[in-house]
Every structure is written in C-alpha cells, then in structure tokens.
Amino acid sequence: MKITRSQLKQLIKEEMRKPKEWKYDYLVDEHGADEHGVPKLTINISDDNVWTLGPSPGAPYTYGDIITDVPDHIK
C-alpha cells in the first residue's frame, strides 16, 4: 500500500496527539513524591479512577497522558 507525503504527515500528527502511557514508579523516580506518595506533577483523576497527567510545564509529557500501575493503596 502506498501513501502520499501528506497522508504520512497526517498519520504522524495523529500519532503525536495520542495519549502516551507512563508507569507510576517511573514518574515517582523522576520527579519525587509528596507526603502521600503521589508524583510531584499535576495529576487529574477521573470519576472512574483513571489517572492522567495535567499541565506540567517543562516536563516531557502531554496533557492527558495516562498513568499506569498506580498502587491500589494510593488510589
């Protein structure tokens, strides 16, 4: 299957916009944690307990990136 350059650019744009996943322990190791064990980043927690990253100036994350492997005792 062949694709045009513009189609390739569009595919790359869409891929870049997709939320990425970050392991909870990695975020704690990289940024430290507060007194509750939560990474020192802006965290959004949805009604169904999905943890995502909020705006984090200077951090290599995209708003809405998903945090995986959050320990049950913190949720």
C-alpha atoms as a PDB file:
ATOM      1  CA  MET A   1       0.000   0.000   0.000  1.00  0.00           C
ATOM      2  CA  LYS A   2       1.358   3.398  -0.942  1.00  0.00           C
ATOM      3  CA  ILE A   3       0.654   6.620   0.889  1.00  0.00           C
ATOM      4  CA  THR A   4       1.325  10.200  -0.062  1.00  0.00           C
ATOM      5  CA  ARG A   5       3.552  12.564   1.894  1.00  0.00           C
ATOM      6  CA  SER A   6       0.542  14.498   3.136  1.00  0.00           C
ATOM      7  CA  GLN A   7      -1.052  11.257   4.357  1.00  0.00           C
ATOM      8  CA  LEU A   8       2.182  10.374   6.157  1.00  0.00           C
ATOM      9  CA  LYS A   9       2.314  13.808   7.786  1.00  0.00           C
ATOM     10  CA  GLN A  10      -1.294  13.386   8.925  1.00  0.00           C
ATOM     11  CA  LEU A  11      -0.553   9.952  10.386  1.00  0.00           C
ATOM     12  CA  ILE A  12       2.432  11.347  12.291  1.00  0.00           C
ATOM     13  CA  LYS A  13       0.344  14.251  13.639  1.00  0.00           C
ATOM     14  CA  GLU A  14      -2.342  11.864  14.835  1.00  0.00           C
ATOM     15  CA  GLU A  15       0.210   9.583  16.476  1.00  0.00           C
ATOM     16  CA  MET A  16       1.840  12.521  18.266  1.00  0.00           C
ATOM     17  CA  ARG A  17      -1.545  13.596  19.688  1.00  0.00           C
ATOM     18  CA  LYS A  18      -2.396  10.184  21.127  1.00  0.00           C
ATOM     19  CA  PRO A  19      -2.008   9.974  24.896  1.00  0.00           C
ATOM     20  CA  LYS A  20       1.119   8.167  25.969  1.00  0.00           C
ATOM     21  CA  GLU A  21       1.354   5.905  28.976  1.00  0.00           C
ATOM     22  CA  TRP A  22       3.772   6.433  31.866  1.00  0.00           C
ATOM     23  CA  LYS A  23       4.395   3.991  34.687  1.00  0.00           C
ATOM     24  CA  TYR A  24       3.648   5.390  38.131  1.00  0.00           C
ATOM     25  CA  ASP A  25       7.011   4.273  39.587  1.00  0.00           C
ATOM     26  CA  TYR A  26       8.908   5.973  36.759  1.00  0.00           C
ATOM     27  CA  LEU A  27       7.166   9.285  37.499  1.00  0.00           C
ATOM     28  CA  VAL A  28       7.965   8.992  41.216  1.00  0.00           C
ATOM     29  CA  ASP A  29      11.613   8.172  40.440  1.00  0.00           C
ATOM     30  CA  GLU A  30      11.910  11.097  38.014  1.00  0.00           C
ATOM     31  CA  HIS A  31      10.034  13.777  39.972  1.00  0.00           C
ATOM     32  CA  GLY A  32       9.853  12.609  43.561  1.00  0.00           C
ATOM     33  CA  ALA A  33       6.634  12.236  45.515  1.00  0.00           C
ATOM     34  CA  ASP A  34       4.665  14.266  48.017  1.00  0.00           C
ATOM     35  CA  GLU A  35       3.836  13.097  51.556  1.00  0.00           C
ATOM     36  CA  HIS A  36       1.040  10.895  50.149  1.00  0.00           C
ATOM     37  CA  GLY A  37       3.296   9.140  47.632  1.00  0.00           C
ATOM     38  CA  VAL A  38       1.860  10.953  44.607  1.00  0.00           C
ATOM     39  CA  PRO A  39       4.359  12.152  41.963  1.00  0.00           C
ATOM     40  CA  LYS A  40       5.128  15.871  42.192  1.00  0.00           C
ATOM     41  CA  LEU A  41       3.245  16.629  38.993  1.00  0.00           C
ATOM     42  CA  THR A  42      -0.228  17.864  38.172  1.00  0.00           C
ATOM     43  CA  ILE A  43      -2.398  14.759  38.243  1.00  0.00           C
ATOM     44  CA  ASN A  44      -6.015  14.504  37.076  1.00  0.00           C
ATOM     45  CA  ILE A  45      -8.153  11.667  38.435  1.00  0.00           C
ATOM     46  CA  SER A  46     -11.378  10.882  36.583  1.00  0.00           C
ATOM     47  CA  ASP A  47     -14.608   9.615  38.140  1.00  0.00           C
ATOM     48  CA  ASP A  48     -13.684   6.076  37.114  1.00  0.00           C
ATOM     49  CA  ASN A  49     -10.291   6.440  38.819  1.00  0.00           C
ATOM     50  CA  VAL A  50      -8.178   6.796  35.670  1.00  0.00           C
ATOM     51  CA  TRP A  51      -5.064   8.832  36.452  1.00  0.00           C
ATOM     52  CA  THR A  52      -3.786  11.208  33.788  1.00  0.00           C
ATOM     53  CA  LEU A  53      -1.163  13.936  33.717  1.00  0.00           C
ATOM     54  CA  GLY A  54      -2.269  17.527  33.849  1.00  0.00           C
ATOM     55  CA  PRO A  55      -0.377  20.550  32.563  1.00  0.00           C
ATOM     56  CA  SER A  56       3.254  20.103  33.590  1.00  0.00           C
ATOM     57  CA  PRO A  57       5.398  22.988  32.363  1.00  0.00           C
ATOM     58  CA  GLY A  58       8.889  21.863  31.452  1.00  0.00           C
ATOM     59  CA  ALA A  59       8.085  18.150  31.718  1.00  0.00           C
ATOM     60  CA  PRO A  60       8.195  15.904  28.626  1.00  0.00           C
ATOM     61  CA  TYR A  61       4.559  14.912  28.928  1.00  0.00           C
ATOM     62  CA  THR A  62       1.412  15.708  27.025  1.00  0.00           C
ATOM     63  CA  TYR A  63      -1.739  16.831  28.813  1.00  0.00           C
ATOM     64  CA  GLY A  64      -3.885  13.728  29.236  1.00  0.00           C
ATOM     65  CA  ASP A  65      -1.074  11.166  29.176  1.00  0.00           C
ATOM     66  CA  ILE A  66      -2.195   8.097  31.106  1.00  0.00           C
ATOM     67  CA  ILE A  67      -0.503   6.947  34.316  1.00  0.00           C
ATOM     68  CA  THR A  68      -0.412   3.164  34.629  1.00  0.00           C
ATOM     69  CA  ASP A  69       0.345   0.831  37.536  1.00  0.00           C
ATOM     70  CA  VAL A  70      -0.889   3.235  40.229  1.00  0.00           C
ATOM     71  CA  PRO A  71      -0.672   1.334  43.536  1.00  0.00           C
ATOM     72  CA  ASP A  72      -4.078   0.365  44.931  1.00  0.00           C
ATOM     73  CA  HIS A  73      -3.276   1.802  48.359  1.00  0.00           C
ATOM     74  CA  ILE A  74      -2.940   5.273  46.787  1.00  0.00           C
ATOM     75  CA  LYS A  75      -5.998   5.159  44.526  1.00  0.00           C
END
